[in-house]
Amino acid sequence: MSKVESKLAELGLSLPPVAAPVAAYVPALRAGEFVFTSGQLPVVEGKLPVTGKVGAEVSPEEAKELAQTCALNALAAIKSVIGDLDLIERVVKVVGFVASAPDFTGQPAVINGASELLGKVLGEAGVHARSAVGVAVLPLDAPVEVELQVRVKSA
């Protein structure tokens, strides 16, 4: 088990299976020293645990937990490409999308669910640049979606 996966286990978490794409794309792609994930939804065991807009049907606290799930799914997608999460040198950028009620402005706090998890499991390598964007709707009516860009060690 990698150091990253051991850290996840200490937090009571584990990597899920790679979420199946819902359209014509791959979950993650390596380009040189970088791995880019597609947007990851908070899918658990093949389905979304909740749907709707944050600030309406979904609470900000629940959405923050869902953002963590998105990050776990992104890490699983990265592992499927590089084989060992300990090869991650740096999370370069996190982009988070929050399906938001019209008056909801707490997108950064929601995406903290992903950012905080990456910091806990990767330490300094998990510190990253980030965007947290409110949107009208996401695929499958998901409340949140997260994508990662990471730099990895050469094979």
N, C-alpha and C. Protein backbone atom coordinates (compact mmCIF):
# COMPACT_ATOMS: atom_id res chain seq x y z
N MET A 1 0.85 -1.18 0.00
CA MET A 1 0.00 0.00 0.00
C MET A 1 0.89 1.24 0.00
N SER A 2 0.54 2.20 -0.84
CA SER A 2 1.32 3.42 -0.94
C SER A 2 1.17 4.26 0.32
N LYS A 3 2.09 5.21 0.51
CA LYS A 3 2.00 6.12 1.65
C LYS A 3 0.71 6.92 1.59
N VAL A 4 0.33 7.34 0.39
CA VAL A 4 -0.90 8.11 0.22
C VAL A 4 -2.11 7.27 0.62
N GLU A 5 -2.16 6.03 0.18
CA GLU A 5 -3.29 5.17 0.54
C GLU A 5 -3.28 4.82 2.02
N SER A 6 -2.10 4.71 2.62
CA SER A 6 -2.01 4.49 4.07
C SER A 6 -2.57 5.69 4.82
N LYS A 7 -2.26 6.89 4.34
CA LYS A 7 -2.79 8.11 4.96
C LYS A 7 -4.31 8.17 4.83
N LEU A 8 -4.82 7.79 3.67
CA LEU A 8 -6.27 7.72 3.50
C LEU A 8 -6.88 6.75 4.51
N ALA A 9 -6.25 5.59 4.68
CA ALA A 9 -6.76 4.60 5.63
C ALA A 9 -6.77 5.15 7.05
N GLU A 10 -5.75 5.92 7.42
CA GLU A 10 -5.72 6.55 8.74
C GLU A 10 -6.91 7.48 8.94
N LEU A 11 -7.38 8.07 7.84
CA LEU A 11 -8.53 8.98 7.89
C LEU A 11 -9.86 8.23 7.76
N GLY A 12 -9.78 6.90 7.68
CA GLY A 12 -10.99 6.10 7.53
C GLY A 12 -11.54 6.08 6.12
N LEU A 13 -10.67 6.39 5.14
CA LEU A 13 -11.09 6.47 3.74
C LEU A 13 -10.31 5.46 2.91
N SER A 14 -10.84 5.15 1.74
CA SER A 14 -10.12 4.30 0.79
C SER A 14 -10.47 4.74 -0.62
N LEU A 15 -9.62 4.35 -1.55
CA LEU A 15 -9.88 4.70 -2.94
C LEU A 15 -11.02 3.85 -3.48
N PRO A 16 -11.97 4.48 -4.14
CA PRO A 16 -13.05 3.73 -4.77
C PRO A 16 -12.59 3.18 -6.11
N PRO A 17 -13.40 2.32 -6.72
CA PRO A 17 -13.11 1.96 -8.12
C PRO A 17 -13.22 3.23 -8.97
N VAL A 18 -12.52 3.24 -10.10
CA VAL A 18 -12.58 4.39 -10.99
C VAL A 18 -14.01 4.52 -11.51
N ALA A 19 -14.56 5.71 -11.38
CA ALA A 19 -15.93 5.96 -11.85
C ALA A 19 -15.99 5.85 -13.37
N ALA A 20 -17.00 5.16 -13.85
CA ALA A 20 -17.18 5.00 -15.29
C ALA A 20 -17.56 6.34 -15.91
N PRO A 21 -16.99 6.67 -17.06
CA PRO A 21 -17.36 7.92 -17.74
C PRO A 21 -18.85 7.92 -18.10
N VAL A 22 -19.47 9.11 -18.06
CA VAL A 22 -20.88 9.23 -18.44
C VAL A 22 -21.02 9.77 -19.87
N ALA A 23 -19.91 9.93 -20.58
CA ALA A 23 -19.93 10.41 -21.97
C ALA A 23 -18.64 9.95 -22.65
N ALA A 24 -18.23 10.61 -23.72
CA ALA A 24 -17.08 10.20 -24.53
C ALA A 24 -15.79 10.85 -24.03
N TYR A 25 -15.18 10.29 -23.00
CA TYR A 25 -13.92 10.78 -22.45
C TYR A 25 -13.30 9.68 -21.59
N VAL A 26 -12.07 9.89 -21.16
CA VAL A 26 -11.41 8.97 -20.24
C VAL A 26 -11.33 9.65 -18.87
N PRO A 27 -11.30 8.88 -17.77
CA PRO A 27 -11.26 9.47 -16.44
C PRO A 27 -10.00 10.29 -16.17
N ALA A 28 -8.87 9.87 -16.74
CA ALA A 28 -7.61 10.61 -16.54
C ALA A 28 -6.69 10.32 -17.71
N LEU A 29 -5.79 11.28 -17.95
CA LEU A 29 -4.87 11.16 -19.07
C LEU A 29 -3.52 11.73 -18.66
N ARG A 30 -2.46 10.96 -18.95
CA ARG A 30 -1.11 11.45 -18.69
C ARG A 30 -0.56 12.12 -19.93
N ALA A 31 0.05 13.29 -19.74
CA ALA A 31 0.74 14.01 -20.82
C ALA A 31 2.08 14.43 -20.26
N GLY A 32 3.14 13.67 -20.58
CA GLY A 32 4.46 13.96 -20.04
C GLY A 32 4.48 13.78 -18.53
N GLU A 33 4.88 14.84 -17.83
CA GLU A 33 4.99 14.76 -16.37
C GLU A 33 3.69 15.16 -15.66
N PHE A 34 2.62 15.36 -16.43
CA PHE A 34 1.34 15.78 -15.84
C PHE A 34 0.25 14.75 -16.07
N VAL A 35 -0.66 14.68 -15.10
CA VAL A 35 -1.89 13.89 -15.26
C VAL A 35 -3.04 14.86 -15.06
N PHE A 36 -3.98 14.80 -15.99
CA PHE A 36 -5.18 15.63 -15.95
C PHE A 36 -6.36 14.70 -15.75
N THR A 37 -7.20 14.98 -14.76
CA THR A 37 -8.42 14.18 -14.64
C THR A 37 -9.55 14.89 -15.34
N SER A 38 -10.49 14.10 -15.80
CA SER A 38 -11.76 14.66 -16.24
C SER A 38 -12.49 15.10 -14.97
N GLY A 39 -13.53 15.88 -15.14
CA GLY A 39 -14.33 16.27 -13.98
C GLY A 39 -14.89 15.03 -13.30
N GLN A 40 -14.70 14.95 -12.01
CA GLN A 40 -15.16 13.80 -11.24
C GLN A 40 -16.38 14.20 -10.42
N LEU A 41 -17.44 13.44 -10.57
CA LEU A 41 -18.65 13.65 -9.79
C LEU A 41 -18.53 12.88 -8.48
N PRO A 42 -19.38 13.18 -7.50
CA PRO A 42 -19.31 12.47 -6.21
C PRO A 42 -20.02 11.12 -6.26
N VAL A 43 -19.67 10.30 -7.24
CA VAL A 43 -20.28 8.99 -7.42
C VAL A 43 -19.78 8.04 -6.35
N VAL A 44 -20.70 7.33 -5.74
CA VAL A 44 -20.39 6.31 -4.73
C VAL A 44 -21.10 5.03 -5.17
N GLU A 45 -20.34 3.97 -5.37
CA GLU A 45 -20.89 2.69 -5.80
C GLU A 45 -21.79 2.83 -7.02
N GLY A 46 -21.32 3.64 -7.98
CA GLY A 46 -22.00 3.76 -9.26
C GLY A 46 -23.15 4.73 -9.33
N LYS A 47 -23.44 5.46 -8.22
CA LYS A 47 -24.54 6.42 -8.30
C LYS A 47 -24.26 7.63 -7.43
N LEU A 48 -24.99 8.70 -7.72
CA LEU A 48 -24.87 9.91 -6.91
C LEU A 48 -25.69 9.74 -5.63
N PRO A 49 -25.09 10.00 -4.46
CA PRO A 49 -25.84 9.85 -3.22
C PRO A 49 -26.91 10.92 -3.03
N VAL A 50 -26.75 12.05 -3.69
CA VAL A 50 -27.71 13.16 -3.60
C VAL A 50 -27.59 13.99 -4.87
N THR A 51 -28.67 14.63 -5.25
CA THR A 51 -28.65 15.53 -6.40
C THR A 51 -29.27 16.86 -6.01
N GLY A 52 -29.06 17.86 -6.85
CA GLY A 52 -29.68 19.15 -6.62
C GLY A 52 -28.68 20.28 -6.47
N LYS A 53 -29.21 21.44 -6.18
CA LYS A 53 -28.41 22.66 -6.06
C LYS A 53 -27.97 22.89 -4.63
N VAL A 54 -26.73 23.33 -4.48
CA VAL A 54 -26.20 23.69 -3.16
C VAL A 54 -26.84 25.02 -2.77
N GLY A 55 -27.29 25.07 -1.54
CA GLY A 55 -28.00 26.25 -1.06
C GLY A 55 -29.49 26.11 -1.23
N ALA A 56 -29.95 25.01 -1.82
CA ALA A 56 -31.38 24.72 -1.96
C ALA A 56 -31.60 23.30 -1.44
N GLU A 57 -31.51 22.30 -2.34
CA GLU A 57 -31.74 20.90 -1.93
C GLU A 57 -30.56 20.30 -1.17
N VAL A 58 -29.38 20.84 -1.34
CA VAL A 58 -28.16 20.29 -0.73
C VAL A 58 -27.53 21.36 0.16
N SER A 59 -27.19 20.99 1.39
CA SER A 59 -26.57 21.96 2.30
C SER A 59 -25.11 22.16 1.94
N PRO A 60 -24.56 23.31 2.29
CA PRO A 60 -23.12 23.53 2.04
C PRO A 60 -22.23 22.48 2.72
N GLU A 61 -22.61 22.05 3.92
CA GLU A 61 -21.82 21.05 4.64
C GLU A 61 -21.83 19.71 3.91
N GLU A 62 -23.01 19.32 3.42
CA GLU A 62 -23.12 18.08 2.67
C GLU A 62 -22.33 18.19 1.36
N ALA A 63 -22.41 19.35 0.71
CA ALA A 63 -21.68 19.56 -0.53
C ALA A 63 -20.17 19.48 -0.31
N LYS A 64 -19.69 19.98 0.82
CA LYS A 64 -18.26 19.90 1.14
C LYS A 64 -17.82 18.44 1.22
N GLU A 65 -18.63 17.59 1.85
CA GLU A 65 -18.31 16.16 1.91
C GLU A 65 -18.33 15.54 0.51
N LEU A 66 -19.27 15.98 -0.32
CA LEU A 66 -19.33 15.48 -1.69
C LEU A 66 -18.10 15.89 -2.49
N ALA A 67 -17.59 17.09 -2.23
CA ALA A 67 -16.35 17.53 -2.90
C ALA A 67 -15.18 16.64 -2.51
N GLN A 68 -15.16 16.20 -1.25
CA GLN A 68 -14.12 15.24 -0.82
C GLN A 68 -14.26 13.94 -1.61
N THR A 69 -15.48 13.49 -1.79
CA THR A 69 -15.71 12.27 -2.58
C THR A 69 -15.22 12.45 -4.01
N CYS A 70 -15.46 13.62 -4.58
CA CYS A 70 -14.95 13.92 -5.92
C CYS A 70 -13.43 13.79 -5.96
N ALA A 71 -12.76 14.33 -4.94
CA ALA A 71 -11.29 14.25 -4.87
C ALA A 71 -10.83 12.81 -4.76
N LEU A 72 -11.52 12.00 -3.97
CA LEU A 72 -11.18 10.57 -3.88
C LEU A 72 -11.32 9.90 -5.24
N ASN A 73 -12.40 10.22 -5.95
CA ASN A 73 -12.60 9.65 -7.28
C ASN A 73 -11.50 10.11 -8.24
N ALA A 74 -11.07 11.36 -8.10
CA ALA A 74 -9.98 11.87 -8.95
C ALA A 74 -8.67 11.14 -8.64
N LEU A 75 -8.40 10.91 -7.36
CA LEU A 75 -7.18 10.17 -6.99
C LEU A 75 -7.23 8.75 -7.55
N ALA A 76 -8.40 8.12 -7.52
CA ALA A 76 -8.53 6.78 -8.11
C ALA A 76 -8.25 6.82 -9.60
N ALA A 77 -8.75 7.86 -10.28
CA ALA A 77 -8.51 7.99 -11.72
C ALA A 77 -7.02 8.19 -11.99
N ILE A 78 -6.35 8.99 -11.16
CA ILE A 78 -4.91 9.21 -11.33
C ILE A 78 -4.15 7.90 -11.12
N LYS A 79 -4.52 7.16 -10.08
CA LYS A 79 -3.85 5.89 -9.82
C LYS A 79 -4.01 4.94 -11.00
N SER A 80 -5.15 4.97 -11.66
CA SER A 80 -5.38 4.07 -12.80
C SER A 80 -4.41 4.36 -13.95
N VAL A 81 -3.87 5.58 -13.98
CA VAL A 81 -2.94 5.98 -15.04
C VAL A 81 -1.48 5.78 -14.63
N ILE A 82 -1.15 6.07 -13.36
CA ILE A 82 0.26 6.02 -12.94
C ILE A 82 0.60 4.82 -12.06
N GLY A 83 -0.40 4.13 -11.54
CA GLY A 83 -0.16 2.91 -10.77
C GLY A 83 0.13 3.10 -9.30
N ASP A 84 0.73 4.21 -8.90
CA ASP A 84 1.14 4.42 -7.51
C ASP A 84 1.00 5.91 -7.19
N LEU A 85 0.12 6.22 -6.25
CA LEU A 85 -0.11 7.62 -5.90
C LEU A 85 1.11 8.29 -5.27
N ASP A 86 2.06 7.51 -4.80
CA ASP A 86 3.29 8.10 -4.25
C ASP A 86 4.13 8.76 -5.34
N LEU A 87 3.78 8.55 -6.60
CA LEU A 87 4.49 9.21 -7.70
C LEU A 87 4.04 10.66 -7.89
N ILE A 88 2.99 11.07 -7.19
CA ILE A 88 2.53 12.46 -7.30
C ILE A 88 3.56 13.37 -6.62
N GLU A 89 4.11 14.31 -7.39
CA GLU A 89 5.04 15.30 -6.84
C GLU A 89 4.31 16.54 -6.34
N ARG A 90 3.22 16.90 -7.03
CA ARG A 90 2.51 18.13 -6.68
C ARG A 90 1.12 18.13 -7.31
N VAL A 91 0.14 18.50 -6.53
CA VAL A 91 -1.15 18.85 -7.11
C VAL A 91 -0.98 20.29 -7.59
N VAL A 92 -1.09 20.49 -8.87
CA VAL A 92 -0.84 21.80 -9.47
C VAL A 92 -2.10 22.66 -9.39
N LYS A 93 -3.24 22.10 -9.77
CA LYS A 93 -4.47 22.89 -9.82
C LYS A 93 -5.67 22.01 -9.54
N VAL A 94 -6.60 22.59 -8.79
CA VAL A 94 -7.90 21.99 -8.56
C VAL A 94 -8.93 22.94 -9.14
N VAL A 95 -9.86 22.39 -9.91
CA VAL A 95 -10.97 23.17 -10.43
C VAL A 95 -12.24 22.52 -9.89
N GLY A 96 -13.03 23.31 -9.18
CA GLY A 96 -14.27 22.80 -8.60
C GLY A 96 -15.47 23.56 -9.12
N PHE A 97 -16.50 22.82 -9.44
CA PHE A 97 -17.76 23.40 -9.91
C PHE A 97 -18.85 23.07 -8.90
N VAL A 98 -19.65 24.05 -8.55
CA VAL A 98 -20.71 23.87 -7.58
C VAL A 98 -22.03 24.28 -8.23
N ALA A 99 -22.94 23.33 -8.38
CA ALA A 99 -24.28 23.65 -8.88
C ALA A 99 -24.97 24.43 -7.77
N SER A 100 -25.22 25.69 -8.02
CA SER A 100 -25.60 26.62 -6.96
C SER A 100 -26.99 27.20 -7.12
N ALA A 101 -27.69 27.31 -5.98
CA ALA A 101 -28.93 28.08 -5.96
C ALA A 101 -28.56 29.52 -6.32
N PRO A 102 -29.49 30.29 -6.88
CA PRO A 102 -29.16 31.64 -7.36
C PRO A 102 -28.49 32.56 -6.33
N ASP A 103 -28.82 32.41 -5.06
CA ASP A 103 -28.25 33.30 -4.04
C ASP A 103 -27.10 32.67 -3.26
N PHE A 104 -26.64 31.48 -3.68
CA PHE A 104 -25.54 30.82 -2.95
C PHE A 104 -24.19 31.35 -3.41
N THR A 105 -23.36 31.77 -2.46
CA THR A 105 -22.04 32.33 -2.79
C THR A 105 -20.90 31.64 -2.05
N GLY A 106 -21.15 30.49 -1.48
CA GLY A 106 -20.13 29.80 -0.68
C GLY A 106 -19.36 28.73 -1.42
N GLN A 107 -19.16 28.90 -2.71
CA GLN A 107 -18.45 27.89 -3.51
C GLN A 107 -17.06 27.57 -2.96
N PRO A 108 -16.25 28.56 -2.55
CA PRO A 108 -14.92 28.22 -2.03
C PRO A 108 -14.96 27.28 -0.82
N ALA A 109 -15.91 27.50 0.09
CA ALA A 109 -16.00 26.63 1.27
C ALA A 109 -16.39 25.21 0.89
N VAL A 110 -17.23 25.06 -0.14
CA VAL A 110 -17.61 23.73 -0.61
C VAL A 110 -16.40 23.00 -1.17
N ILE A 111 -15.64 23.65 -2.04
CA ILE A 111 -14.50 23.00 -2.69
C ILE A 111 -13.36 22.76 -1.70
N ASN A 112 -13.41 23.41 -0.54
CA ASN A 112 -12.45 23.09 0.52
C ASN A 112 -12.50 21.60 0.87
N GLY A 113 -13.63 20.95 0.67
CA GLY A 113 -13.70 19.52 0.94
C GLY A 113 -12.66 18.74 0.14
N ALA A 114 -12.46 19.12 -1.11
CA ALA A 114 -11.44 18.48 -1.94
C ALA A 114 -10.05 18.95 -1.54
N SER A 115 -9.88 20.27 -1.39
CA SER A 115 -8.56 20.83 -1.09
C SER A 115 -8.02 20.34 0.24
N GLU A 116 -8.86 20.30 1.25
CA GLU A 116 -8.41 19.86 2.58
C GLU A 116 -8.00 18.39 2.56
N LEU A 117 -8.75 17.55 1.84
CA LEU A 117 -8.37 16.15 1.74
C LEU A 117 -7.00 16.00 1.07
N LEU A 118 -6.78 16.72 -0.02
CA LEU A 118 -5.49 16.63 -0.72
C LEU A 118 -4.35 17.06 0.19
N GLY A 119 -4.55 18.09 0.98
CA GLY A 119 -3.53 18.53 1.92
C GLY A 119 -3.24 17.48 2.99
N LYS A 120 -4.29 16.84 3.49
CA LYS A 120 -4.11 15.82 4.54
C LYS A 120 -3.35 14.61 4.04
N VAL A 121 -3.66 14.17 2.81
CA VAL A 121 -3.05 12.92 2.34
C VAL A 121 -1.74 13.12 1.60
N LEU A 122 -1.52 14.31 1.05
CA LEU A 122 -0.29 14.56 0.27
C LEU A 122 0.65 15.55 0.93
N GLY A 123 0.25 16.16 2.04
CA GLY A 123 1.10 17.14 2.72
C GLY A 123 1.39 18.32 1.81
N GLU A 124 2.63 18.78 1.80
CA GLU A 124 3.03 19.94 1.00
C GLU A 124 2.74 19.73 -0.48
N ALA A 125 2.85 18.49 -0.97
CA ALA A 125 2.57 18.20 -2.38
C ALA A 125 1.10 18.42 -2.73
N GLY A 126 0.24 18.49 -1.71
CA GLY A 126 -1.18 18.69 -1.95
C GLY A 126 -1.60 20.15 -1.99
N VAL A 127 -0.67 21.07 -1.72
CA VAL A 127 -0.97 22.51 -1.78
C VAL A 127 -1.04 22.92 -3.24
N HIS A 128 -2.10 23.64 -3.63
CA HIS A 128 -2.36 23.85 -5.05
C HIS A 128 -3.01 25.19 -5.33
N ALA A 129 -2.99 25.56 -6.61
CA ALA A 129 -3.81 26.67 -7.11
C ALA A 129 -5.22 26.11 -7.30
N ARG A 130 -6.23 27.02 -7.32
CA ARG A 130 -7.59 26.50 -7.36
C ARG A 130 -8.58 27.51 -7.92
N SER A 131 -9.61 27.00 -8.54
CA SER A 131 -10.78 27.78 -8.92
C SER A 131 -12.00 27.08 -8.33
N ALA A 132 -12.95 27.85 -7.81
CA ALA A 132 -14.22 27.34 -7.29
C ALA A 132 -15.32 28.14 -7.97
N VAL A 133 -16.07 27.49 -8.85
CA VAL A 133 -16.99 28.19 -9.73
C VAL A 133 -18.43 27.74 -9.47
N GLY A 134 -19.32 28.68 -9.35
CA GLY A 134 -20.74 28.37 -9.26
C GLY A 134 -21.33 28.24 -10.65
N VAL A 135 -22.12 27.19 -10.86
CA VAL A 135 -22.75 26.95 -12.15
C VAL A 135 -24.24 26.64 -11.96
N ALA A 136 -24.99 26.75 -13.04
CA ALA A 136 -26.43 26.53 -12.98
C ALA A 136 -26.79 25.06 -12.81
N VAL A 137 -26.07 24.18 -13.49
CA VAL A 137 -26.37 22.75 -13.43
C VAL A 137 -25.12 21.96 -13.82
N LEU A 138 -25.00 20.76 -13.28
CA LEU A 138 -23.91 19.85 -13.60
C LEU A 138 -24.48 18.54 -14.14
N PRO A 139 -23.65 17.72 -14.79
CA PRO A 139 -24.14 16.44 -15.32
C PRO A 139 -24.86 15.62 -14.25
N LEU A 140 -25.94 14.99 -14.65
CA LEU A 140 -26.75 14.11 -13.79
C LEU A 140 -27.35 14.85 -12.60
N ASP A 141 -27.36 16.17 -12.63
CA ASP A 141 -27.84 17.02 -11.54
C ASP A 141 -26.97 16.88 -10.28
N ALA A 142 -25.68 16.59 -10.50
CA ALA A 142 -24.74 16.49 -9.38
C ALA A 142 -24.57 17.86 -8.73
N PRO A 143 -24.40 17.89 -7.40
CA PRO A 143 -24.17 19.16 -6.72
C PRO A 143 -22.77 19.73 -6.92
N VAL A 144 -21.77 18.85 -7.10
CA VAL A 144 -20.39 19.30 -7.25
C VAL A 144 -19.66 18.43 -8.27
N GLU A 145 -18.58 18.99 -8.81
CA GLU A 145 -17.68 18.29 -9.73
C GLU A 145 -16.29 18.86 -9.52
N VAL A 146 -15.28 17.98 -9.50
CA VAL A 146 -13.91 18.42 -9.25
C VAL A 146 -12.98 17.76 -10.26
N GLU A 147 -12.03 18.55 -10.77
CA GLU A 147 -10.97 17.99 -11.61
C GLU A 147 -9.62 18.39 -11.03
N LEU A 148 -8.64 17.53 -11.25
CA LEU A 148 -7.28 17.76 -10.74
C LEU A 148 -6.28 17.77 -11.87
N GLN A 149 -5.23 18.56 -11.67
CA GLN A 149 -4.05 18.52 -12.53
C GLN A 149 -2.87 18.27 -11.59
N VAL A 150 -2.13 17.20 -11.82
CA VAL A 150 -1.00 16.86 -10.95
C VAL A 150 0.27 16.66 -11.76
N ARG A 151 1.40 16.96 -11.13
CA ARG A 151 2.71 16.63 -11.73
C ARG A 151 3.20 15.37 -11.05
N VAL A 152 3.73 14.44 -11.86
CA VAL A 152 4.17 13.16 -11.34
C VAL A 152 5.63 12.93 -11.66
N LYS A 153 6.25 12.07 -10.88
CA LYS A 153 7.64 11.71 -11.10
C LYS A 153 7.76 10.93 -12.40
N SER A 154 8.89 11.08 -13.06
CA SER A 154 9.15 10.34 -14.29
C SER A 154 9.26 8.86 -14.00
N ALA A 155 8.78 8.07 -14.93
CA ALA A 155 8.82 6.60 -14.77
C ALA A 155 10.21 6.07 -15.04
